[in-house]
Amino acid sequence: MDESDLPQPQVRITSRLIDSLYTEAMLLADEARSYFDDAGRDERSTLHPFARVGFACESLKVTTRIMHIVAWLLTQRAIESGEIAIRAGRRPERRLGNAQDSDPAVLEQLPEAARKLITSSADLYARVRRIDEGTMEAEVAQSPARALMGRLERGLVGEKPA
């Protein structure tokens, strides 16, 4: 039994999964916008000044997580529809963006509704990150020497590097 007999890992993100995650992200975005623009303002005004700063930072983290998720999902849709080649969709700039974790000490000072939204955004981000990381594990790592040779060949022929 040689390597060609071994099953190759196949991670495929289906349109149904993309659509489901996109809907979830958009609903969460709407809920977060509504809370942080309306009800959250009233709750924020009752907080200690340090906690108000934490509240503002956490609202930005929620927005950042959701925007990274939506951008990644739109990229996956483009890959699925053939608008972007699979290889181009795996480039670092098309991967899920980095979002900072929340500080548990800050979270415990915030109102329950804010904590719920923050936790929901972090959970969704973690799920999408696992999917994104899973697609990279399925790719066979190319040796650095072969990668360099490929870049040199493309450079000599005048092609743009992948």
N, C-alpha and C. Protein backbone atom coordinates (compact mmCIF):
# COMPACT_ATOMS: atom_id res chain seq x y z
N MET A 1 0.85 -1.17 0.00
CA MET A 1 0.00 0.00 0.00
C MET A 1 0.89 1.24 0.00
N ASP A 2 0.75 2.08 -1.01
CA ASP A 2 1.54 3.30 -1.07
C ASP A 2 0.66 4.52 -0.79
N GLU A 3 1.26 5.72 -0.87
CA GLU A 3 0.53 6.93 -0.52
C GLU A 3 -0.69 7.17 -1.39
N SER A 4 -0.65 6.71 -2.64
CA SER A 4 -1.79 6.95 -3.54
C SER A 4 -3.02 6.14 -3.12
N ASP A 5 -2.82 5.10 -2.32
CA ASP A 5 -3.94 4.28 -1.85
C ASP A 5 -4.62 4.89 -0.63
N LEU A 6 -3.94 5.81 0.04
CA LEU A 6 -4.51 6.42 1.24
C LEU A 6 -5.57 7.45 0.84
N PRO A 7 -6.66 7.48 1.59
CA PRO A 7 -7.69 8.48 1.27
C PRO A 7 -7.15 9.89 1.54
N GLN A 8 -7.38 10.77 0.60
CA GLN A 8 -6.94 12.15 0.75
C GLN A 8 -7.99 12.92 1.56
N PRO A 9 -7.56 13.76 2.48
CA PRO A 9 -8.53 14.54 3.26
C PRO A 9 -9.29 15.47 2.33
N GLN A 10 -10.59 15.52 2.52
CA GLN A 10 -11.41 16.40 1.70
C GLN A 10 -12.29 17.23 2.61
N VAL A 11 -12.02 18.50 2.62
CA VAL A 11 -12.85 19.41 3.38
C VAL A 11 -13.51 20.30 2.36
N ARG A 12 -14.81 20.25 2.32
CA ARG A 12 -15.56 21.06 1.36
C ARG A 12 -16.62 21.81 2.13
N ILE A 13 -16.66 23.08 1.91
CA ILE A 13 -17.65 23.91 2.56
C ILE A 13 -18.81 24.04 1.59
N THR A 14 -19.96 23.57 2.00
CA THR A 14 -21.11 23.57 1.11
C THR A 14 -21.83 24.91 1.11
N SER A 15 -22.58 25.14 0.06
CA SER A 15 -23.38 26.37 -0.03
C SER A 15 -24.36 26.46 1.13
N ARG A 16 -24.90 25.33 1.51
CA ARG A 16 -25.87 25.32 2.61
C ARG A 16 -25.24 25.78 3.92
N LEU A 17 -24.03 25.31 4.20
CA LEU A 17 -23.32 25.74 5.41
C LEU A 17 -22.99 27.22 5.33
N ILE A 18 -22.51 27.66 4.18
CA ILE A 18 -22.19 29.08 4.00
C ILE A 18 -23.42 29.94 4.25
N ASP A 19 -24.53 29.56 3.64
CA ASP A 19 -25.77 30.34 3.80
C ASP A 19 -26.25 30.35 5.24
N SER A 20 -26.15 29.22 5.91
CA SER A 20 -26.59 29.13 7.30
C SER A 20 -25.74 30.03 8.20
N LEU A 21 -24.43 29.96 8.04
CA LEU A 21 -23.54 30.79 8.84
C LEU A 21 -23.71 32.27 8.51
N TYR A 22 -23.94 32.57 7.24
CA TYR A 22 -24.14 33.96 6.83
C TYR A 22 -25.41 34.53 7.47
N THR A 23 -26.47 33.75 7.45
CA THR A 23 -27.72 34.19 8.07
C THR A 23 -27.52 34.41 9.56
N GLU A 24 -26.84 33.47 10.22
CA GLU A 24 -26.57 33.61 11.65
C GLU A 24 -25.74 34.87 11.93
N ALA A 25 -24.73 35.11 11.12
CA ALA A 25 -23.87 36.29 11.32
C ALA A 25 -24.65 37.58 11.11
N MET A 26 -25.50 37.62 10.11
CA MET A 26 -26.26 38.84 9.84
C MET A 26 -27.31 39.10 10.93
N LEU A 27 -27.93 38.04 11.42
CA LEU A 27 -28.88 38.21 12.53
C LEU A 27 -28.17 38.71 13.78
N LEU A 28 -27.01 38.15 14.06
CA LEU A 28 -26.22 38.59 15.21
C LEU A 28 -25.77 40.04 15.03
N ALA A 29 -25.38 40.41 13.82
CA ALA A 29 -24.98 41.79 13.54
C ALA A 29 -26.13 42.75 13.80
N ASP A 30 -27.32 42.37 13.37
CA ASP A 30 -28.49 43.22 13.57
C ASP A 30 -28.83 43.34 15.06
N GLU A 31 -28.75 42.22 15.75
CA GLU A 31 -29.03 42.22 17.20
C GLU A 31 -28.00 43.09 17.94
N ALA A 32 -26.73 42.96 17.56
CA ALA A 32 -25.68 43.73 18.21
C ALA A 32 -25.85 45.22 17.92
N ARG A 33 -26.12 45.57 16.68
CA ARG A 33 -26.33 46.97 16.33
C ARG A 33 -27.48 47.56 17.13
N SER A 34 -28.57 46.82 17.18
CA SER A 34 -29.74 47.29 17.91
C SER A 34 -29.41 47.49 19.39
N TYR A 35 -28.74 46.54 19.98
CA TYR A 35 -28.42 46.63 21.41
C TYR A 35 -27.44 47.78 21.67
N PHE A 36 -26.32 47.79 20.96
CA PHE A 36 -25.28 48.79 21.26
C PHE A 36 -25.72 50.21 20.91
N ASP A 37 -26.64 50.36 19.96
CA ASP A 37 -27.14 51.70 19.60
C ASP A 37 -28.28 52.17 20.49
N ASP A 38 -29.04 51.25 21.05
CA ASP A 38 -30.22 51.65 21.82
C ASP A 38 -30.12 51.25 23.29
N ALA A 39 -30.56 50.05 23.60
CA ALA A 39 -30.62 49.59 25.00
C ALA A 39 -29.26 49.64 25.68
N GLY A 40 -28.23 49.32 24.94
CA GLY A 40 -26.89 49.32 25.51
C GLY A 40 -26.43 50.69 25.97
N ARG A 41 -26.90 51.72 25.30
CA ARG A 41 -26.51 53.09 25.70
C ARG A 41 -26.99 53.40 27.11
N ASP A 42 -28.23 53.01 27.39
CA ASP A 42 -28.77 53.26 28.73
C ASP A 42 -28.01 52.46 29.78
N GLU A 43 -27.72 51.20 29.48
CA GLU A 43 -26.98 50.36 30.43
C GLU A 43 -25.55 50.86 30.59
N ARG A 44 -24.95 51.31 29.50
CA ARG A 44 -23.57 51.79 29.55
C ARG A 44 -23.46 53.01 30.46
N SER A 45 -24.45 53.87 30.43
CA SER A 45 -24.37 55.10 31.23
C SER A 45 -24.38 54.84 32.73
N THR A 46 -24.82 53.67 33.15
CA THR A 46 -24.85 53.34 34.58
C THR A 46 -23.55 52.69 35.05
N LEU A 47 -22.65 52.41 34.13
CA LEU A 47 -21.40 51.71 34.48
C LEU A 47 -20.34 52.67 35.01
N HIS A 48 -19.42 52.11 35.76
CA HIS A 48 -18.23 52.82 36.22
C HIS A 48 -17.43 53.23 34.97
N PRO A 49 -16.70 54.36 35.00
CA PRO A 49 -15.97 54.83 33.81
C PRO A 49 -15.06 53.77 33.17
N PHE A 50 -14.33 53.00 33.99
CA PHE A 50 -13.47 51.96 33.43
C PHE A 50 -14.30 50.90 32.70
N ALA A 51 -15.42 50.53 33.29
CA ALA A 51 -16.30 49.54 32.66
C ALA A 51 -16.92 50.09 31.38
N ARG A 52 -17.17 51.40 31.32
CA ARG A 52 -17.70 52.01 30.09
C ARG A 52 -16.70 51.89 28.94
N VAL A 53 -15.43 52.08 29.27
CA VAL A 53 -14.38 51.92 28.25
C VAL A 53 -14.36 50.46 27.78
N GLY A 54 -14.42 49.53 28.72
CA GLY A 54 -14.47 48.11 28.38
C GLY A 54 -15.68 47.78 27.53
N PHE A 55 -16.82 48.38 27.85
CA PHE A 55 -18.05 48.18 27.09
C PHE A 55 -17.85 48.62 25.64
N ALA A 56 -17.25 49.80 25.45
CA ALA A 56 -17.00 50.31 24.11
C ALA A 56 -16.03 49.41 23.34
N CYS A 57 -14.98 48.97 24.01
CA CYS A 57 -14.01 48.08 23.37
C CYS A 57 -14.65 46.76 22.96
N GLU A 58 -15.46 46.22 23.85
CA GLU A 58 -16.11 44.95 23.55
C GLU A 58 -17.13 45.08 22.41
N SER A 59 -17.80 46.22 22.32
CA SER A 59 -18.73 46.40 21.21
C SER A 59 -17.97 46.44 19.89
N LEU A 60 -16.78 47.03 19.89
CA LEU A 60 -15.94 47.04 18.68
C LEU A 60 -15.44 45.63 18.35
N LYS A 61 -15.11 44.85 19.36
CA LYS A 61 -14.67 43.47 19.12
C LYS A 61 -15.80 42.63 18.51
N VAL A 62 -17.02 42.84 18.99
CA VAL A 62 -18.17 42.13 18.42
C VAL A 62 -18.30 42.47 16.94
N THR A 63 -18.24 43.75 16.63
CA THR A 63 -18.35 44.20 15.25
C THR A 63 -17.22 43.63 14.39
N THR A 64 -16.01 43.65 14.92
CA THR A 64 -14.85 43.13 14.18
C THR A 64 -15.02 41.64 13.89
N ARG A 65 -15.42 40.88 14.90
CA ARG A 65 -15.62 39.44 14.70
C ARG A 65 -16.64 39.19 13.59
N ILE A 66 -17.75 39.88 13.67
CA ILE A 66 -18.82 39.67 12.69
C ILE A 66 -18.36 40.08 11.29
N MET A 67 -17.65 41.17 11.18
CA MET A 67 -17.18 41.61 9.86
C MET A 67 -16.17 40.62 9.27
N HIS A 68 -15.29 40.08 10.10
CA HIS A 68 -14.35 39.07 9.61
C HIS A 68 -15.11 37.83 9.14
N ILE A 69 -16.11 37.43 9.89
CA ILE A 69 -16.91 36.25 9.53
C ILE A 69 -17.61 36.49 8.20
N VAL A 70 -18.28 37.63 8.06
CA VAL A 70 -19.03 37.92 6.84
C VAL A 70 -18.08 37.99 5.64
N ALA A 71 -16.94 38.64 5.78
CA ALA A 71 -15.98 38.72 4.68
C ALA A 71 -15.51 37.33 4.27
N TRP A 72 -15.22 36.49 5.24
CA TRP A 72 -14.76 35.13 4.96
C TRP A 72 -15.86 34.33 4.26
N LEU A 73 -17.09 34.47 4.74
CA LEU A 73 -18.20 33.74 4.12
C LEU A 73 -18.45 34.21 2.69
N LEU A 74 -18.33 35.49 2.44
CA LEU A 74 -18.49 35.98 1.07
C LEU A 74 -17.39 35.44 0.16
N THR A 75 -16.19 35.31 0.70
CA THR A 75 -15.10 34.69 -0.06
C THR A 75 -15.43 33.24 -0.36
N GLN A 76 -15.98 32.52 0.62
CA GLN A 76 -16.34 31.12 0.40
C GLN A 76 -17.43 30.99 -0.66
N ARG A 77 -18.38 31.92 -0.65
CA ARG A 77 -19.42 31.93 -1.69
C ARG A 77 -18.80 32.13 -3.07
N ALA A 78 -17.84 33.05 -3.15
CA ALA A 78 -17.18 33.31 -4.43
C ALA A 78 -16.39 32.09 -4.90
N ILE A 79 -15.77 31.38 -3.98
CA ILE A 79 -15.05 30.16 -4.34
C ILE A 79 -16.05 29.11 -4.82
N GLU A 80 -17.12 28.94 -4.08
CA GLU A 80 -18.14 27.94 -4.42
C GLU A 80 -18.76 28.20 -5.79
N SER A 81 -18.95 29.47 -6.13
CA SER A 81 -19.56 29.81 -7.42
C SER A 81 -18.55 29.86 -8.56
N GLY A 82 -17.27 29.74 -8.24
CA GLY A 82 -16.24 29.75 -9.27
C GLY A 82 -15.70 31.13 -9.60
N GLU A 83 -16.14 32.16 -8.89
CA GLU A 83 -15.64 33.51 -9.13
C GLU A 83 -14.19 33.66 -8.69
N ILE A 84 -13.82 32.89 -7.68
CA ILE A 84 -12.44 32.89 -7.17
C ILE A 84 -11.97 31.44 -7.21
N ALA A 85 -10.76 31.23 -7.72
CA ALA A 85 -10.18 29.89 -7.74
C ALA A 85 -9.93 29.42 -6.31
N ILE A 86 -10.04 28.12 -6.09
CA ILE A 86 -9.85 27.57 -4.75
C ILE A 86 -8.49 27.98 -4.18
N ARG A 87 -7.47 27.87 -5.00
CA ARG A 87 -6.12 28.21 -4.53
C ARG A 87 -6.03 29.69 -4.13
N ALA A 88 -6.63 30.56 -4.93
CA ALA A 88 -6.62 31.99 -4.62
C ALA A 88 -7.41 32.27 -3.34
N GLY A 89 -8.46 31.50 -3.10
CA GLY A 89 -9.26 31.67 -1.89
C GLY A 89 -8.55 31.23 -0.64
N ARG A 90 -7.47 30.48 -0.77
CA ARG A 90 -6.70 30.02 0.38
C ARG A 90 -5.53 30.95 0.71
N ARG A 91 -5.37 32.00 -0.07
CA ARG A 91 -4.28 32.94 0.20
C ARG A 91 -4.50 33.60 1.56
N PRO A 92 -3.43 33.98 2.24
CA PRO A 92 -3.56 34.54 3.59
C PRO A 92 -4.52 35.73 3.70
N GLU A 93 -4.52 36.60 2.71
CA GLU A 93 -5.39 37.77 2.79
C GLU A 93 -6.87 37.43 2.60
N ARG A 94 -7.16 36.22 2.18
CA ARG A 94 -8.55 35.80 2.01
C ARG A 94 -9.00 34.86 3.12
N ARG A 95 -8.14 34.61 4.06
CA ARG A 95 -8.47 33.76 5.19
C ARG A 95 -9.26 34.57 6.21
N LEU A 96 -9.76 33.89 7.23
CA LEU A 96 -10.50 34.55 8.29
C LEU A 96 -9.56 35.50 9.03
N GLY A 97 -9.95 36.76 9.14
CA GLY A 97 -9.13 37.75 9.82
C GLY A 97 -9.02 37.47 11.31
N ASN A 98 -7.99 38.01 11.92
CA ASN A 98 -7.76 37.80 13.35
C ASN A 98 -8.64 38.73 14.17
N ALA A 99 -9.30 38.18 15.15
CA ALA A 99 -10.13 38.97 16.06
C ALA A 99 -9.67 38.70 17.49
N GLN A 100 -9.56 39.75 18.26
CA GLN A 100 -9.07 39.62 19.63
C GLN A 100 -10.10 38.99 20.54
N ASP A 101 -9.59 38.22 21.50
CA ASP A 101 -10.46 37.62 22.50
C ASP A 101 -10.89 38.68 23.51
N SER A 102 -11.98 38.40 24.17
CA SER A 102 -12.47 39.29 25.22
C SER A 102 -11.79 38.96 26.53
N ASP A 103 -11.62 39.97 27.35
CA ASP A 103 -11.00 39.82 28.67
C ASP A 103 -12.10 39.43 29.67
N PRO A 104 -11.99 38.24 30.29
CA PRO A 104 -13.01 37.81 31.25
C PRO A 104 -13.24 38.80 32.39
N ALA A 105 -12.18 39.49 32.82
CA ALA A 105 -12.34 40.48 33.90
C ALA A 105 -13.21 41.65 33.46
N VAL A 106 -13.11 42.04 32.21
CA VAL A 106 -13.95 43.11 31.68
C VAL A 106 -15.38 42.61 31.53
N LEU A 107 -15.52 41.40 31.00
CA LEU A 107 -16.86 40.84 30.75
C LEU A 107 -17.72 40.77 32.01
N GLU A 108 -17.11 40.41 33.13
CA GLU A 108 -17.92 40.26 34.34
C GLU A 108 -18.44 41.60 34.87
N GLN A 109 -17.91 42.71 34.38
CA GLN A 109 -18.39 44.04 34.79
C GLN A 109 -19.52 44.55 33.90
N LEU A 110 -19.79 43.85 32.80
CA LEU A 110 -20.76 44.33 31.82
C LEU A 110 -22.15 43.78 32.07
N PRO A 111 -23.17 44.46 31.56
CA PRO A 111 -24.55 43.97 31.69
C PRO A 111 -24.72 42.60 31.01
N GLU A 112 -25.68 41.83 31.49
CA GLU A 112 -25.93 40.48 30.98
C GLU A 112 -26.18 40.46 29.48
N ALA A 113 -26.95 41.41 28.97
CA ALA A 113 -27.26 41.44 27.53
C ALA A 113 -25.99 41.63 26.70
N ALA A 114 -25.09 42.48 27.18
CA ALA A 114 -23.82 42.70 26.48
C ALA A 114 -22.98 41.43 26.50
N ARG A 115 -22.91 40.79 27.65
CA ARG A 115 -22.12 39.54 27.77
C ARG A 115 -22.66 38.48 26.82
N LYS A 116 -23.98 38.40 26.71
CA LYS A 116 -24.60 37.40 25.82
C LYS A 116 -24.19 37.64 24.37
N LEU A 117 -24.24 38.89 23.92
CA LEU A 117 -23.85 39.21 22.55
C LEU A 117 -22.36 38.97 22.31
N ILE A 118 -21.55 39.34 23.26
CA ILE A 118 -20.11 39.15 23.14
C ILE A 118 -19.78 37.66 23.05
N THR A 119 -20.40 36.88 23.92
CA THR A 119 -20.17 35.43 23.91
C THR A 119 -20.67 34.80 22.61
N SER A 120 -21.83 35.23 22.14
CA SER A 120 -22.37 34.70 20.88
C SER A 120 -21.45 35.00 19.71
N SER A 121 -20.91 36.22 19.67
CA SER A 121 -20.00 36.56 18.56
C SER A 121 -18.70 35.76 18.65
N ALA A 122 -18.20 35.57 19.86
CA ALA A 122 -16.97 34.79 20.04
C ALA A 122 -17.19 33.33 19.68
N ASP A 123 -18.35 32.79 20.04
CA ASP A 123 -18.66 31.39 19.70
C ASP A 123 -18.77 31.20 18.19
N LEU A 124 -19.47 32.10 17.52
CA LEU A 124 -19.61 32.01 16.06
C LEU A 124 -18.25 32.16 15.40
N TYR A 125 -17.45 33.09 15.86
CA TYR A 125 -16.11 33.28 15.31
C TYR A 125 -15.27 32.01 15.49
N ALA A 126 -15.34 31.40 16.66
CA ALA A 126 -14.56 30.18 16.92
C ALA A 126 -14.99 29.04 16.00
N ARG A 127 -16.29 28.92 15.75
CA ARG A 127 -16.77 27.87 14.84
C ARG A 127 -16.26 28.09 13.43
N VAL A 128 -16.34 29.33 12.96
CA VAL A 128 -15.87 29.64 11.61
C VAL A 128 -14.35 29.47 11.52
N ARG A 129 -13.64 29.84 12.57
CA ARG A 129 -12.18 29.66 12.58
C ARG A 129 -11.82 28.18 12.46
N ARG A 130 -12.56 27.31 13.16
CA ARG A 130 -12.28 25.87 13.06
C ARG A 130 -12.50 25.38 11.63
N ILE A 131 -13.53 25.88 10.98
CA ILE A 131 -13.77 25.50 9.58
C ILE A 131 -12.64 26.00 8.70
N ASP A 132 -12.26 27.25 8.89
CA ASP A 132 -11.18 27.83 8.09
C ASP A 132 -9.88 27.06 8.30
N GLU A 133 -9.55 26.75 9.53
CA GLU A 133 -8.34 25.99 9.82
C GLU A 133 -8.42 24.58 9.25
N GLY A 134 -9.61 24.00 9.25
CA GLY A 134 -9.80 22.65 8.69
C GLY A 134 -9.54 22.61 7.20
N THR A 135 -9.87 23.68 6.49
CA THR A 135 -9.62 23.70 5.05
C THR A 135 -8.13 23.77 4.78
N MET A 136 -7.37 24.39 5.67
CA MET A 136 -5.93 24.46 5.47
C MET A 136 -5.25 23.14 5.79
N GLU A 137 -5.77 22.41 6.77
CA GLU A 137 -5.18 21.12 7.11
C GLU A 137 -5.34 20.12 5.97
N ALA A 138 -6.37 20.29 5.17
CA ALA A 138 -6.62 19.37 4.07
C ALA A 138 -5.65 19.56 2.93
N GLU A 139 -4.98 20.70 2.88
CA GLU A 139 -4.03 20.95 1.81
C GLU A 139 -2.70 20.29 2.14
N VAL A 140 -2.08 19.73 1.12
CA VAL A 140 -0.80 19.09 1.30
C VAL A 140 0.27 20.17 1.34
N ALA A 141 1.10 20.12 2.38
CA ALA A 141 2.15 21.12 2.52
C ALA A 141 3.21 20.91 1.46
N GLN A 142 3.56 21.99 0.77
CA GLN A 142 4.59 21.92 -0.24
C GLN A 142 5.93 22.23 0.42
N SER A 143 6.97 21.56 -0.05
CA SER A 143 8.28 21.81 0.55
C SER A 143 8.71 23.24 0.23
N PRO A 144 9.45 23.87 1.13
CA PRO A 144 9.92 25.24 0.87
C PRO A 144 10.76 25.33 -0.40
N ALA A 145 11.55 24.30 -0.68
CA ALA A 145 12.39 24.33 -1.88
C ALA A 145 11.54 24.33 -3.15
N ARG A 146 10.48 23.49 -3.18
CA ARG A 146 9.59 23.46 -4.35
C ARG A 146 8.83 24.78 -4.49
N ALA A 147 8.41 25.36 -3.38
CA ALA A 147 7.70 26.63 -3.43
C ALA A 147 8.61 27.72 -4.01
N LEU A 148 9.87 27.74 -3.58
CA LEU A 148 10.83 28.71 -4.10
C LEU A 148 11.06 28.50 -5.59
N MET A 149 11.21 27.26 -6.00
CA MET A 149 11.40 26.95 -7.42
C MET A 149 10.20 27.43 -8.24
N GLY A 150 9.00 27.22 -7.72
CA GLY A 150 7.81 27.67 -8.42
C GLY A 150 7.77 29.18 -8.57
N ARG A 151 8.12 29.90 -7.50
CA ARG A 151 8.15 31.36 -7.57
C ARG A 151 9.20 31.84 -8.56
N LEU A 152 10.37 31.19 -8.58
CA LEU A 152 11.41 31.56 -9.53
C LEU A 152 10.96 31.31 -10.96
N GLU A 153 10.34 30.16 -11.21
CA GLU A 153 9.85 29.85 -12.55
C GLU A 153 8.82 30.88 -13.01
N ARG A 154 7.89 31.22 -12.13
CA ARG A 154 6.86 32.21 -12.49
C ARG A 154 7.49 33.58 -12.73
N GLY A 155 8.51 33.92 -11.93
CA GLY A 155 9.19 35.20 -12.10
C GLY A 155 9.95 35.28 -13.41
N LEU A 156 10.56 34.17 -13.82
CA LEU A 156 11.32 34.15 -15.06
C LEU A 156 10.41 34.21 -16.29
N VAL A 157 9.22 33.66 -16.16
CA VAL A 157 8.29 33.65 -17.28
C VAL A 157 7.42 34.91 -17.29
N GLY A 158 7.46 35.67 -16.19
CA GLY A 158 6.70 36.92 -16.12
C GLY A 158 5.31 36.80 -15.55
N GLU A 159 5.00 35.66 -14.93
CA GLU A 159 3.68 35.48 -14.31
C GLU A 159 3.69 36.07 -12.93
N LYS A 160 2.51 36.43 -12.46
CA LYS A 160 2.39 36.92 -11.10
C LYS A 160 2.44 35.73 -10.15
N PRO A 161 3.15 35.85 -9.01
CA PRO A 161 3.19 34.75 -8.03
C PRO A 161 1.83 34.51 -7.43
N ALA A 162 1.56 33.25 -7.13
CA ALA A 162 0.26 32.87 -6.53
C ALA A 162 0.24 33.16 -5.08
